[in-house]
N, C-alpha and C. Protein backbone atom coordinates (compact mmCIF):
# COMPACT_ATOMS: atom_id res chain seq x y z
N UNK A 1 -72.82 -64.67 46.20
CA UNK A 1 -71.59 -63.65 46.52
C UNK A 1 -71.24 -62.88 45.31
N UNK A 2 -71.22 -61.63 45.55
CA UNK A 2 -70.82 -60.90 44.38
C UNK A 2 -69.54 -60.03 44.31
N UNK A 3 -68.97 -60.07 45.54
CA UNK A 3 -67.78 -59.43 45.62
C UNK A 3 -66.62 -60.29 44.95
N UNK A 4 -65.82 -59.72 44.31
CA UNK A 4 -64.58 -60.49 43.81
C UNK A 4 -63.41 -59.94 44.27
N UNK A 5 -62.46 -60.84 44.13
CA UNK A 5 -61.02 -60.52 44.93
C UNK A 5 -60.38 -59.17 44.12
N UNK A 6 -59.57 -58.75 45.20
CA UNK A 6 -58.71 -57.73 44.60
C UNK A 6 -57.29 -58.20 44.64
N UNK A 7 -56.59 -58.01 43.60
CA UNK A 7 -55.27 -58.55 43.43
C UNK A 7 -54.13 -57.29 43.31
N UNK A 8 -53.05 -57.53 44.04
CA UNK A 8 -52.04 -56.49 44.07
C UNK A 8 -50.98 -57.14 43.32
N UNK A 9 -50.61 -56.62 42.03
CA UNK A 9 -49.78 -57.07 41.27
C UNK A 9 -48.44 -56.29 40.96
N UNK A 10 -47.33 -56.80 41.16
CA UNK A 10 -45.98 -56.19 40.88
C UNK A 10 -45.05 -56.91 40.43
N UNK A 11 -44.01 -56.31 39.99
CA UNK A 11 -42.78 -57.08 39.36
C UNK A 11 -41.50 -56.56 40.36
N UNK A 12 -40.62 -57.57 40.49
CA UNK A 12 -39.59 -57.39 41.28
C UNK A 12 -38.21 -56.95 40.37
N UNK A 13 -38.70 -56.08 39.40
CA UNK A 13 -37.42 -55.31 38.64
C UNK A 13 -37.95 -53.94 38.45
N UNK A 14 -36.89 -53.18 38.29
CA UNK A 14 -37.13 -51.73 38.10
C UNK A 14 -36.90 -51.13 36.80
N UNK A 15 -36.15 -51.99 35.82
CA UNK A 15 -36.12 -51.62 34.56
C UNK A 15 -37.43 -51.55 33.74
N UNK A 16 -37.46 -50.40 32.99
CA UNK A 16 -38.65 -49.94 32.35
C UNK A 16 -39.19 -51.08 31.22
N UNK A 17 -38.21 -51.84 30.65
CA UNK A 17 -38.62 -52.82 29.55
C UNK A 17 -38.26 -54.11 30.14
N UNK A 18 -38.32 -54.35 31.30
CA UNK A 18 -38.16 -55.62 32.10
C UNK A 18 -39.26 -56.63 31.25
N UNK A 19 -38.69 -57.94 31.19
CA UNK A 19 -39.29 -58.95 30.63
C UNK A 19 -40.40 -59.37 31.63
N UNK A 20 -40.01 -59.35 32.81
CA UNK A 20 -40.99 -59.55 33.95
C UNK A 20 -42.13 -58.60 33.99
N UNK A 21 -41.98 -57.38 33.76
CA UNK A 21 -42.93 -56.57 33.71
C UNK A 21 -43.91 -56.83 32.58
N UNK A 22 -43.37 -57.29 31.40
CA UNK A 22 -44.23 -57.65 30.25
C UNK A 22 -45.18 -58.79 30.66
N UNK A 23 -44.53 -59.76 31.18
CA UNK A 23 -45.05 -61.04 31.78
C UNK A 23 -46.21 -60.64 32.56
N UNK A 24 -46.04 -59.75 33.64
CA UNK A 24 -47.01 -59.48 34.53
C UNK A 24 -48.27 -58.66 33.94
N UNK A 25 -47.93 -57.98 33.03
CA UNK A 25 -49.14 -57.19 32.30
C UNK A 25 -49.87 -58.41 31.49
N UNK A 26 -49.28 -59.29 30.87
CA UNK A 26 -49.86 -60.31 30.29
C UNK A 26 -51.01 -61.10 31.31
N UNK A 27 -50.24 -61.38 32.33
CA UNK A 27 -50.88 -62.07 33.52
C UNK A 27 -52.17 -61.37 33.88
N UNK A 28 -51.89 -59.96 34.19
CA UNK A 28 -53.04 -59.33 34.60
C UNK A 28 -54.19 -59.09 33.77
N UNK A 29 -53.95 -59.28 32.55
CA UNK A 29 -55.21 -59.31 31.60
C UNK A 29 -56.07 -60.47 31.80
N UNK A 30 -55.49 -61.81 32.20
CA UNK A 30 -56.28 -62.72 32.29
C UNK A 30 -56.99 -62.74 33.81
N UNK A 31 -56.27 -62.08 34.69
CA UNK A 31 -56.93 -61.83 36.09
C UNK A 31 -58.08 -61.09 35.90
N UNK A 32 -57.89 -59.93 35.32
CA UNK A 32 -58.99 -58.92 35.16
C UNK A 32 -60.08 -59.62 34.29
N UNK A 33 -59.92 -60.30 33.15
CA UNK A 33 -60.97 -61.11 32.43
C UNK A 33 -61.95 -61.92 33.20
N UNK A 34 -61.39 -62.17 34.44
CA UNK A 34 -62.11 -63.27 35.36
C UNK A 34 -62.78 -62.40 36.43
N UNK A 35 -62.85 -61.17 36.26
CA UNK A 35 -63.65 -60.28 37.16
C UNK A 35 -62.93 -59.75 38.31
N UNK A 36 -61.64 -60.21 38.49
CA UNK A 36 -61.10 -59.56 39.75
C UNK A 36 -60.67 -58.20 39.34
N UNK A 37 -60.52 -57.55 40.50
CA UNK A 37 -59.92 -56.00 40.41
C UNK A 37 -58.46 -56.10 40.72
N UNK A 38 -57.70 -55.75 39.73
CA UNK A 38 -56.19 -55.66 39.90
C UNK A 38 -55.80 -54.34 40.24
N UNK A 39 -54.90 -54.12 41.24
CA UNK A 39 -54.08 -52.94 41.64
C UNK A 39 -52.68 -53.06 41.07
N UNK A 40 -52.38 -52.46 40.20
CA UNK A 40 -50.99 -52.57 39.64
C UNK A 40 -50.04 -51.55 40.21
N UNK A 41 -48.97 -51.89 40.70
CA UNK A 41 -47.90 -51.00 41.43
C UNK A 41 -46.56 -51.26 40.63
N UNK A 42 -45.77 -50.32 40.54
CA UNK A 42 -44.50 -50.26 40.15
C UNK A 42 -43.45 -50.06 41.13
N UNK A 43 -42.50 -50.97 41.45
CA UNK A 43 -41.52 -50.78 42.68
C UNK A 43 -40.70 -49.32 42.44
N UNK A 44 -40.59 -48.97 41.38
CA UNK A 44 -40.06 -47.47 41.17
C UNK A 44 -40.67 -46.43 42.02
N UNK A 45 -42.03 -46.60 42.11
CA UNK A 45 -42.83 -45.77 42.83
C UNK A 45 -42.72 -45.80 44.51
N UNK A 46 -42.04 -46.91 44.82
CA UNK A 46 -41.89 -47.02 46.36
C UNK A 46 -40.36 -47.42 46.75
N UNK A 47 -39.69 -46.36 46.58
CA UNK A 47 -38.17 -46.29 46.87
C UNK A 47 -37.87 -46.33 48.37
N UNK A 48 -37.23 -47.45 48.66
CA UNK A 48 -36.69 -47.50 50.17
C UNK A 48 -35.37 -47.94 50.21
N UNK A 49 -34.80 -47.34 51.38
CA UNK A 49 -33.39 -47.76 51.65
C UNK A 49 -33.10 -49.23 51.89
N UNK A 50 -31.90 -49.76 52.04
CA UNK A 50 -31.68 -51.16 52.41
C UNK A 50 -32.13 -51.25 53.78
N UNK A 51 -32.58 -52.28 53.97
CA UNK A 51 -33.22 -52.57 55.41
C UNK A 51 -32.04 -52.57 56.36
N UNK A 52 -32.28 -51.92 57.41
CA UNK A 52 -31.19 -51.58 58.27
C UNK A 52 -31.94 -51.48 59.74
N UNK A 53 -31.81 -52.28 60.82
CA UNK A 53 -32.34 -52.19 62.06
C UNK A 53 -32.12 -50.93 62.66
N UNK A 54 -30.93 -50.42 62.60
CA UNK A 54 -30.57 -49.22 63.30
C UNK A 54 -31.55 -47.95 62.38
N UNK A 55 -31.64 -48.13 61.18
CA UNK A 55 -32.33 -46.96 60.46
C UNK A 55 -33.79 -47.07 60.84
N UNK A 56 -34.35 -48.50 61.13
CA UNK A 56 -35.75 -48.66 61.48
C UNK A 56 -35.91 -47.97 62.84
N UNK A 57 -35.06 -48.37 63.84
CA UNK A 57 -35.07 -47.75 65.25
C UNK A 57 -35.04 -46.19 65.17
N UNK A 58 -34.37 -45.48 64.35
CA UNK A 58 -34.21 -44.27 64.57
C UNK A 58 -35.31 -43.48 63.74
N UNK A 59 -35.70 -44.12 62.53
CA UNK A 59 -36.64 -43.23 61.57
C UNK A 59 -37.90 -44.07 61.54
N UNK A 60 -38.21 -45.27 61.98
CA UNK A 60 -39.36 -45.95 61.87
C UNK A 60 -39.34 -46.71 60.40
N UNK A 61 -40.31 -47.25 59.89
CA UNK A 61 -40.63 -47.79 58.64
C UNK A 61 -40.84 -46.68 57.73
N UNK A 62 -40.13 -46.86 56.45
CA UNK A 62 -40.10 -45.77 55.47
C UNK A 62 -41.57 -45.47 54.93
N UNK A 63 -41.90 -44.33 54.62
CA UNK A 63 -43.14 -43.91 54.08
C UNK A 63 -43.69 -44.72 52.93
N UNK A 64 -42.70 -45.10 52.18
CA UNK A 64 -43.04 -45.94 50.94
C UNK A 64 -43.37 -47.34 51.31
N UNK A 65 -42.83 -47.85 52.23
CA UNK A 65 -43.09 -49.23 52.83
C UNK A 65 -44.57 -49.27 53.48
N UNK A 66 -44.82 -47.99 54.10
CA UNK A 66 -46.14 -47.91 54.79
C UNK A 66 -47.41 -48.02 53.61
N UNK A 67 -46.91 -47.11 52.61
CA UNK A 67 -48.02 -46.89 51.42
C UNK A 67 -48.17 -48.31 50.87
N UNK A 68 -47.12 -49.02 50.65
CA UNK A 68 -47.32 -50.40 49.94
C UNK A 68 -48.13 -51.25 50.94
N UNK A 69 -47.56 -51.25 52.08
CA UNK A 69 -48.24 -52.22 53.35
C UNK A 69 -49.72 -51.99 53.09
N UNK A 70 -50.21 -50.67 53.16
CA UNK A 70 -51.73 -50.39 53.03
C UNK A 70 -52.26 -51.10 51.95
N UNK A 71 -51.70 -51.00 50.81
CA UNK A 71 -52.09 -51.66 49.47
C UNK A 71 -52.34 -53.35 49.71
N UNK A 72 -51.27 -53.79 50.34
CA UNK A 72 -51.37 -55.26 50.64
C UNK A 72 -52.18 -55.61 51.71
N UNK A 73 -52.55 -54.74 52.60
CA UNK A 73 -53.77 -55.16 53.63
C UNK A 73 -54.98 -55.07 52.95
N UNK A 74 -55.24 -54.15 51.82
CA UNK A 74 -56.58 -53.94 51.42
C UNK A 74 -56.80 -55.15 50.13
N UNK A 75 -55.73 -56.04 49.73
CA UNK A 75 -55.99 -57.03 48.87
C UNK A 75 -56.18 -58.26 49.47
N UNK A 76 -56.67 -59.07 48.38
CA UNK A 76 -56.97 -60.55 48.72
C UNK A 76 -55.96 -61.66 48.33
N UNK A 77 -55.22 -60.88 47.37
CA UNK A 77 -54.02 -61.79 46.75
C UNK A 77 -53.04 -61.11 46.09
N UNK A 78 -52.00 -61.58 45.86
CA UNK A 78 -50.91 -60.93 45.04
C UNK A 78 -50.42 -61.79 43.93
N UNK A 79 -50.16 -60.98 42.88
CA UNK A 79 -49.55 -61.39 41.60
C UNK A 79 -48.18 -60.93 41.46
N UNK A 80 -47.15 -61.77 41.65
CA UNK A 80 -45.59 -61.40 41.72
C UNK A 80 -44.76 -61.71 40.44
N UNK A 81 -44.32 -60.87 39.68
CA UNK A 81 -43.46 -61.36 38.55
C UNK A 81 -41.98 -61.18 39.10
N UNK A 82 -41.13 -62.24 39.14
CA UNK A 82 -39.88 -62.24 39.73
C UNK A 82 -38.74 -62.50 38.86
N UNK A 83 -37.76 -61.55 38.79
CA UNK A 83 -36.69 -61.71 37.93
C UNK A 83 -35.56 -62.46 38.54
N UNK A 84 -34.82 -63.25 37.83
CA UNK A 84 -33.81 -64.10 38.67
C UNK A 84 -32.68 -63.58 38.54
N UNK A 85 -31.90 -63.45 39.65
CA UNK A 85 -30.71 -62.46 39.69
C UNK A 85 -29.63 -63.46 40.32
N UNK A 86 -28.66 -63.97 39.72
CA UNK A 86 -27.76 -64.64 40.21
C UNK A 86 -28.34 -66.21 40.96
N UNK A 87 -29.39 -66.60 40.34
CA UNK A 87 -30.21 -67.80 40.93
C UNK A 87 -30.81 -67.54 42.06
N UNK A 88 -31.21 -66.36 42.13
CA UNK A 88 -32.26 -65.86 43.37
C UNK A 88 -33.15 -64.73 43.14
N UNK A 89 -33.99 -64.36 43.97
CA UNK A 89 -34.69 -63.06 43.64
C UNK A 89 -33.94 -62.10 43.70
N UNK A 90 -34.43 -60.77 43.10
CA UNK A 90 -33.69 -59.68 43.01
C UNK A 90 -33.74 -58.77 44.25
N UNK A 91 -32.54 -58.19 44.42
CA UNK A 91 -32.37 -57.33 45.57
C UNK A 91 -33.61 -56.32 45.96
N UNK A 92 -34.15 -55.69 44.88
CA UNK A 92 -35.18 -54.51 45.21
C UNK A 92 -36.47 -55.47 45.70
N UNK A 93 -36.64 -56.60 45.14
CA UNK A 93 -37.78 -57.25 45.71
C UNK A 93 -37.58 -57.95 47.03
N UNK A 94 -36.54 -58.45 47.43
CA UNK A 94 -36.02 -58.98 48.63
C UNK A 94 -36.25 -57.67 49.80
N UNK A 95 -35.74 -56.65 49.52
CA UNK A 95 -35.78 -55.47 50.28
C UNK A 95 -37.19 -54.88 50.43
N UNK A 96 -37.90 -54.97 49.44
CA UNK A 96 -39.26 -54.54 49.64
C UNK A 96 -40.10 -55.44 50.59
N UNK A 97 -39.97 -56.70 50.50
CA UNK A 97 -40.62 -57.67 51.33
C UNK A 97 -40.15 -57.38 52.71
N UNK A 98 -38.76 -57.40 52.86
CA UNK A 98 -38.18 -57.17 54.36
C UNK A 98 -38.97 -55.87 54.91
N UNK A 99 -38.98 -54.89 54.21
CA UNK A 99 -39.50 -53.51 54.91
C UNK A 99 -40.89 -53.79 55.20
N UNK A 100 -41.74 -54.33 54.08
CA UNK A 100 -43.29 -54.50 54.42
C UNK A 100 -43.62 -55.45 55.26
N UNK A 101 -42.56 -56.33 55.97
CA UNK A 101 -42.85 -57.20 56.89
C UNK A 101 -42.64 -56.78 58.21
N UNK A 102 -42.31 -55.43 58.17
CA UNK A 102 -42.12 -54.89 59.58
C UNK A 102 -43.31 -54.18 60.15
N UNK A 103 -43.56 -54.35 61.37
CA UNK A 103 -44.73 -53.66 62.06
C UNK A 103 -44.83 -52.11 61.93
N UNK A 104 -45.94 -51.64 61.59
CA UNK A 104 -46.07 -50.26 61.26
C UNK A 104 -47.62 -49.83 61.56
N UNK A 105 -47.64 -48.75 61.96
CA UNK A 105 -49.13 -48.02 62.27
C UNK A 105 -49.95 -49.02 62.98
N UNK A 106 -49.52 -49.60 64.03
CA UNK A 106 -50.09 -50.43 64.92
C UNK A 106 -50.78 -51.63 64.44
N UNK A 107 -49.96 -52.16 63.27
CA UNK A 107 -50.49 -53.36 62.51
C UNK A 107 -49.19 -54.27 62.55
N UNK A 108 -49.42 -55.36 62.95
CA UNK A 108 -48.53 -56.57 62.90
C UNK A 108 -47.70 -56.63 61.47
N UNK A 109 -46.33 -57.01 61.82
CA UNK A 109 -45.55 -56.92 60.64
C UNK A 109 -46.06 -57.92 59.54
N UNK A 110 -46.50 -59.20 59.70
CA UNK A 110 -46.78 -59.99 58.72
C UNK A 110 -48.55 -60.04 58.31
N UNK A 111 -49.03 -58.98 58.92
CA UNK A 111 -50.48 -58.92 58.52
C UNK A 111 -50.65 -58.60 56.94
N UNK A 112 -49.88 -57.91 56.38
CA UNK A 112 -50.21 -57.81 54.89
C UNK A 112 -50.03 -58.99 54.12
N UNK A 113 -49.33 -60.09 54.62
CA UNK A 113 -49.23 -61.18 53.84
C UNK A 113 -49.91 -62.51 54.28
N UNK A 114 -50.16 -62.54 55.53
CA UNK A 114 -51.06 -63.72 56.31
C UNK A 114 -52.22 -64.17 55.54
N UNK A 115 -52.29 -65.48 55.11
CA UNK A 115 -53.46 -65.83 54.45
C UNK A 115 -53.76 -65.10 53.18
N UNK A 116 -52.94 -64.35 52.53
CA UNK A 116 -53.09 -63.85 51.13
C UNK A 116 -52.75 -65.00 50.17
N UNK A 117 -53.60 -65.06 49.12
CA UNK A 117 -53.15 -66.07 48.03
C UNK A 117 -52.22 -65.28 47.21
N UNK A 118 -51.09 -66.04 46.67
CA UNK A 118 -50.07 -65.52 45.99
C UNK A 118 -49.87 -66.45 44.71
N UNK A 119 -49.74 -65.91 43.57
CA UNK A 119 -49.16 -66.46 42.32
C UNK A 119 -47.86 -65.85 41.95
N UNK A 120 -47.08 -66.79 41.26
CA UNK A 120 -45.68 -66.36 41.13
C UNK A 120 -45.41 -66.70 39.62
N UNK A 121 -45.03 -65.56 38.95
CA UNK A 121 -44.48 -65.80 37.51
C UNK A 121 -42.97 -65.44 37.43
N UNK A 122 -42.24 -65.78 36.29
CA UNK A 122 -41.05 -65.37 35.94
C UNK A 122 -40.92 -65.32 34.55
N UNK A 123 -39.85 -64.46 34.08
CA UNK A 123 -39.41 -64.61 32.64
C UNK A 123 -37.94 -64.40 32.72
N UNK A 124 -37.31 -65.13 31.85
CA UNK A 124 -35.93 -65.16 31.95
C UNK A 124 -35.29 -65.33 30.33
N UNK A 125 -34.12 -64.67 30.02
CA UNK A 125 -33.64 -65.00 28.72
C UNK A 125 -32.90 -66.50 28.65
N UNK A 126 -32.75 -66.92 29.95
CA UNK A 126 -32.15 -68.34 29.96
C UNK A 126 -33.12 -69.42 29.79
N UNK A 127 -32.69 -70.72 29.38
CA UNK A 127 -33.67 -71.71 29.19
C UNK A 127 -34.18 -72.25 30.34
N UNK A 128 -34.20 -71.71 31.60
CA UNK A 128 -34.61 -72.20 32.64
C UNK A 128 -35.87 -71.32 33.23
N UNK A 129 -35.89 -70.21 32.61
CA UNK A 129 -37.10 -69.43 32.74
C UNK A 129 -37.17 -68.48 34.01
N UNK A 130 -36.25 -68.50 34.93
CA UNK A 130 -36.08 -68.01 36.20
C UNK A 130 -36.56 -68.85 37.55
N UNK A 131 -36.60 -70.17 37.03
CA UNK A 131 -37.16 -71.15 38.04
C UNK A 131 -36.51 -71.35 39.28
N UNK A 132 -35.14 -71.04 39.28
CA UNK A 132 -34.56 -70.95 40.83
C UNK A 132 -34.85 -70.00 41.71
N UNK A 133 -35.09 -68.76 40.96
CA UNK A 133 -35.45 -67.58 41.67
C UNK A 133 -36.92 -67.86 42.33
N UNK A 134 -37.60 -68.55 41.56
CA UNK A 134 -39.09 -68.76 41.91
C UNK A 134 -39.19 -69.68 43.31
N UNK A 135 -38.20 -70.55 43.28
CA UNK A 135 -38.15 -71.44 44.35
C UNK A 135 -37.84 -70.79 45.56
N UNK A 136 -37.03 -69.86 45.40
CA UNK A 136 -36.68 -69.01 46.70
C UNK A 136 -37.74 -68.17 47.18
N UNK A 137 -38.48 -67.62 46.05
CA UNK A 137 -39.51 -66.54 46.53
C UNK A 137 -40.68 -67.54 47.06
N UNK A 138 -40.84 -68.59 46.59
CA UNK A 138 -42.15 -69.34 47.22
C UNK A 138 -41.64 -69.72 48.65
N UNK A 139 -40.38 -69.85 48.91
CA UNK A 139 -40.11 -70.31 50.50
C UNK A 139 -40.39 -68.78 51.18
N UNK A 140 -40.04 -67.74 50.64
CA UNK A 140 -40.16 -66.50 51.37
C UNK A 140 -41.34 -66.16 51.71
N UNK A 141 -42.30 -66.25 50.75
CA UNK A 141 -43.81 -66.04 50.68
C UNK A 141 -44.37 -66.98 51.76
N UNK A 142 -44.07 -68.06 51.74
CA UNK A 142 -44.61 -69.14 52.75
C UNK A 142 -44.26 -68.70 54.03
N UNK A 143 -43.06 -68.27 54.38
CA UNK A 143 -42.51 -67.86 55.60
C UNK A 143 -43.34 -66.59 56.04
N UNK A 144 -43.65 -65.81 55.21
CA UNK A 144 -44.38 -64.44 55.60
C UNK A 144 -45.90 -65.00 55.69
N UNK A 145 -46.29 -66.18 55.58
CA UNK A 145 -47.52 -66.55 55.96
C UNK A 145 -48.73 -66.62 54.66
N UNK A 146 -48.20 -66.37 53.47
CA UNK A 146 -49.06 -66.35 52.45
C UNK A 146 -49.32 -67.86 52.05
N UNK A 147 -50.33 -67.90 51.24
CA UNK A 147 -50.82 -69.23 50.51
C UNK A 147 -50.22 -69.17 49.17
N UNK A 148 -49.40 -69.86 48.63
CA UNK A 148 -48.63 -69.88 47.49
C UNK A 148 -49.48 -70.90 46.49
N UNK A 149 -49.75 -70.39 45.28
CA UNK A 149 -50.39 -71.23 44.46
C UNK A 149 -49.26 -72.16 44.08
N UNK A 150 -49.78 -73.47 43.84
CA UNK A 150 -48.69 -74.49 43.56
C UNK A 150 -48.36 -74.32 42.10
N UNK A 151 -48.90 -73.99 41.20
CA UNK A 151 -48.57 -73.73 39.81
C UNK A 151 -48.06 -72.30 39.61
N UNK A 152 -47.00 -72.29 38.87
CA UNK A 152 -46.34 -70.94 38.57
C UNK A 152 -45.97 -70.95 37.20
N UNK A 153 -45.45 -69.98 36.54
CA UNK A 153 -45.01 -69.81 35.12
C UNK A 153 -43.49 -69.40 35.26
N UNK A 154 -42.76 -70.09 34.61
CA UNK A 154 -41.42 -69.63 34.39
C UNK A 154 -40.88 -69.79 32.88
N UNK A 155 -40.80 -68.58 32.38
CA UNK A 155 -41.01 -68.35 30.90
C UNK A 155 -39.48 -68.25 30.26
N UNK A 156 -39.08 -69.21 29.53
CA UNK A 156 -37.68 -69.40 28.95
C UNK A 156 -37.48 -68.26 27.87
N UNK A 157 -36.15 -68.11 27.62
CA UNK A 157 -35.84 -67.41 26.21
C UNK A 157 -36.89 -66.25 25.95
N UNK A 158 -36.91 -65.40 27.10
CA UNK A 158 -37.87 -64.24 27.09
C UNK A 158 -37.73 -63.09 26.12
N UNK A 159 -36.48 -63.27 25.55
CA UNK A 159 -36.28 -62.28 24.48
C UNK A 159 -37.03 -62.44 23.16
N UNK A 160 -37.38 -63.64 23.11
CA UNK A 160 -38.32 -63.97 21.86
C UNK A 160 -39.61 -64.34 22.32
N UNK A 161 -39.95 -64.25 23.44
CA UNK A 161 -41.36 -64.68 23.88
C UNK A 161 -42.30 -63.76 23.77
N UNK A 162 -42.10 -62.47 23.44
CA UNK A 162 -43.27 -61.46 23.40
C UNK A 162 -43.38 -60.79 22.04
N UNK A 163 -44.77 -60.38 21.80
CA UNK A 163 -44.94 -59.84 20.56
C UNK A 163 -45.63 -58.32 21.07
N UNK A 164 -45.31 -57.36 20.69
CA UNK A 164 -46.05 -56.02 21.13
C UNK A 164 -45.50 -55.77 22.49
N UNK A 165 -46.46 -54.90 23.23
CA UNK A 165 -45.99 -54.73 24.46
C UNK A 165 -45.96 -55.87 25.53
N UNK A 166 -46.92 -56.63 25.30
CA UNK A 166 -46.90 -57.63 26.46
C UNK A 166 -47.38 -58.96 26.01
N UNK A 167 -48.02 -59.18 24.62
CA UNK A 167 -48.51 -60.30 24.07
C UNK A 167 -47.65 -61.45 24.08
N UNK A 168 -47.85 -62.47 24.34
CA UNK A 168 -46.96 -63.71 24.45
C UNK A 168 -47.23 -64.36 23.09
N UNK A 169 -46.08 -64.72 22.35
CA UNK A 169 -45.95 -65.36 21.10
C UNK A 169 -46.50 -66.89 21.09
N UNK A 170 -46.01 -67.54 21.97
CA UNK A 170 -46.45 -69.27 21.95
C UNK A 170 -47.83 -69.32 22.67
N UNK A 171 -48.58 -70.03 22.10
CA UNK A 171 -49.95 -70.45 22.74
C UNK A 171 -49.94 -71.05 23.80
N UNK A 172 -48.93 -72.13 23.97
CA UNK A 172 -48.77 -72.91 25.39
C UNK A 172 -48.49 -71.84 26.50
N UNK A 173 -47.54 -70.89 26.35
CA UNK A 173 -47.30 -69.94 27.17
C UNK A 173 -48.45 -69.15 27.62
N UNK A 174 -49.22 -68.84 26.65
CA UNK A 174 -50.48 -68.06 26.94
C UNK A 174 -51.37 -68.66 27.84
N UNK A 175 -51.45 -70.11 27.47
CA UNK A 175 -52.43 -70.90 28.18
C UNK A 175 -51.85 -71.07 29.60
N UNK A 176 -50.69 -71.20 29.81
CA UNK A 176 -50.04 -71.36 31.07
C UNK A 176 -50.26 -70.26 32.04
N UNK A 177 -50.17 -69.02 31.41
CA UNK A 177 -50.29 -67.72 32.12
C UNK A 177 -52.02 -67.59 32.53
N UNK A 178 -52.74 -68.06 31.66
CA UNK A 178 -54.13 -67.90 31.81
C UNK A 178 -54.47 -68.89 33.09
N UNK A 179 -54.03 -70.07 33.18
CA UNK A 179 -54.44 -71.18 34.03
C UNK A 179 -53.84 -70.56 35.48
N UNK A 180 -52.68 -70.03 35.51
CA UNK A 180 -52.27 -69.41 36.81
C UNK A 180 -53.02 -68.41 37.15
N UNK A 181 -53.41 -67.58 36.35
CA UNK A 181 -54.41 -66.37 36.65
C UNK A 181 -55.56 -66.99 37.25
N UNK A 182 -56.23 -67.89 36.56
CA UNK A 182 -57.44 -68.34 36.99
C UNK A 182 -57.37 -68.92 38.45
N UNK A 183 -56.04 -69.94 38.69
CA UNK A 183 -55.82 -70.43 39.97
C UNK A 183 -55.74 -69.46 40.96
N UNK A 184 -55.09 -68.41 40.80
CA UNK A 184 -55.02 -67.29 41.70
C UNK A 184 -56.32 -66.59 42.19
N UNK A 185 -57.31 -66.47 41.14
CA UNK A 185 -58.58 -65.75 41.38
C UNK A 185 -59.40 -66.69 42.24
N UNK A 186 -59.32 -68.08 41.89
CA UNK A 186 -60.16 -69.15 42.68
C UNK A 186 -59.51 -69.23 44.11
N UNK A 187 -58.04 -69.21 44.29
CA UNK A 187 -57.53 -69.36 45.54
C UNK A 187 -58.01 -68.24 46.40
N UNK A 188 -57.85 -67.03 45.88
CA UNK A 188 -58.18 -65.68 46.58
C UNK A 188 -59.62 -65.71 47.26
N UNK A 189 -60.38 -66.29 46.23
CA UNK A 189 -61.99 -66.04 46.51
C UNK A 189 -62.11 -67.06 47.50
N UNK A 190 -61.50 -68.40 47.42
CA UNK A 190 -61.86 -69.53 48.42
C UNK A 190 -61.25 -69.05 49.88
N UNK A 191 -60.20 -68.45 49.75
CA UNK A 191 -59.69 -68.10 51.16
C UNK A 191 -60.24 -66.92 51.74
N UNK A 192 -61.01 -66.06 51.25
CA UNK A 192 -61.88 -64.93 51.58
C UNK A 192 -63.14 -64.88 51.54
N UNK A 193 -63.74 -66.00 51.06
CA UNK A 193 -65.26 -66.25 51.16
C UNK A 193 -65.82 -65.28 50.09
N UNK A 194 -65.26 -65.10 48.90
CA UNK A 194 -65.71 -64.26 47.79
C UNK A 194 -66.11 -64.98 46.73
N UNK A 195 -67.01 -64.28 45.91
CA UNK A 195 -67.35 -64.74 44.56
C UNK A 195 -66.52 -64.76 43.48
N UNK A 196 -66.51 -65.65 42.48
CA UNK A 196 -65.46 -65.58 41.34
C UNK A 196 -66.12 -66.30 40.15
N UNK A 197 -65.76 -65.80 39.12
CA UNK A 197 -66.16 -66.42 37.74
C UNK A 197 -65.01 -67.36 37.28
N UNK A 198 -64.09 -67.43 37.81
CA UNK A 198 -62.77 -68.32 37.36
C UNK A 198 -63.24 -69.83 37.32
N UNK A 199 -63.08 -70.21 36.06
CA UNK A 199 -63.13 -71.74 35.93
C UNK A 199 -61.91 -72.29 35.36
N UNK A 200 -61.92 -73.71 35.23
CA UNK A 200 -61.02 -74.41 34.73
C UNK A 200 -60.99 -74.66 33.34
N UNK A 201 -61.94 -74.08 32.67
CA UNK A 201 -62.05 -74.41 31.21
C UNK A 201 -61.13 -73.51 30.27
């Protein structure tokens, strides 16, 4: 098998200097190093109104959600960096998932998520690293039909965790991110019958 997984990567934060965007970039490097193709999107480029059934009935699914759904349909897995807002996922991430789970263009609502490998990472200035939000997101993605990797990354004290644009200071954090990236590539390859160079070494 020679075809390698396509991984869609995005962060549930809009802030340009988001810790989660920096963590996402670090994780993407490991995923690419394993031979996977990474499609990186910024949710700033996919602006959607708050989900409203009346809006959907009158105007249908927003064009931004349709574009993102197409990318999701074309990927084998997703890498999501999720900030923790008040103990849960961010509003923009939840709203994006809500819109993207609606049927559009004659494709079932959950099709973009069903059977897709998903890895979750989070960074937070708190000592908990965003772990509470990750628990909620894990439940959401499971409900959407995705296969969520058992391991995740919850990076605490994120204000001191990075050097440069996205390099992680601590070797244990780098290793944890590498292992989650490798696990995602292996899971996506196994679920979709693809080749992979990912190993546990």
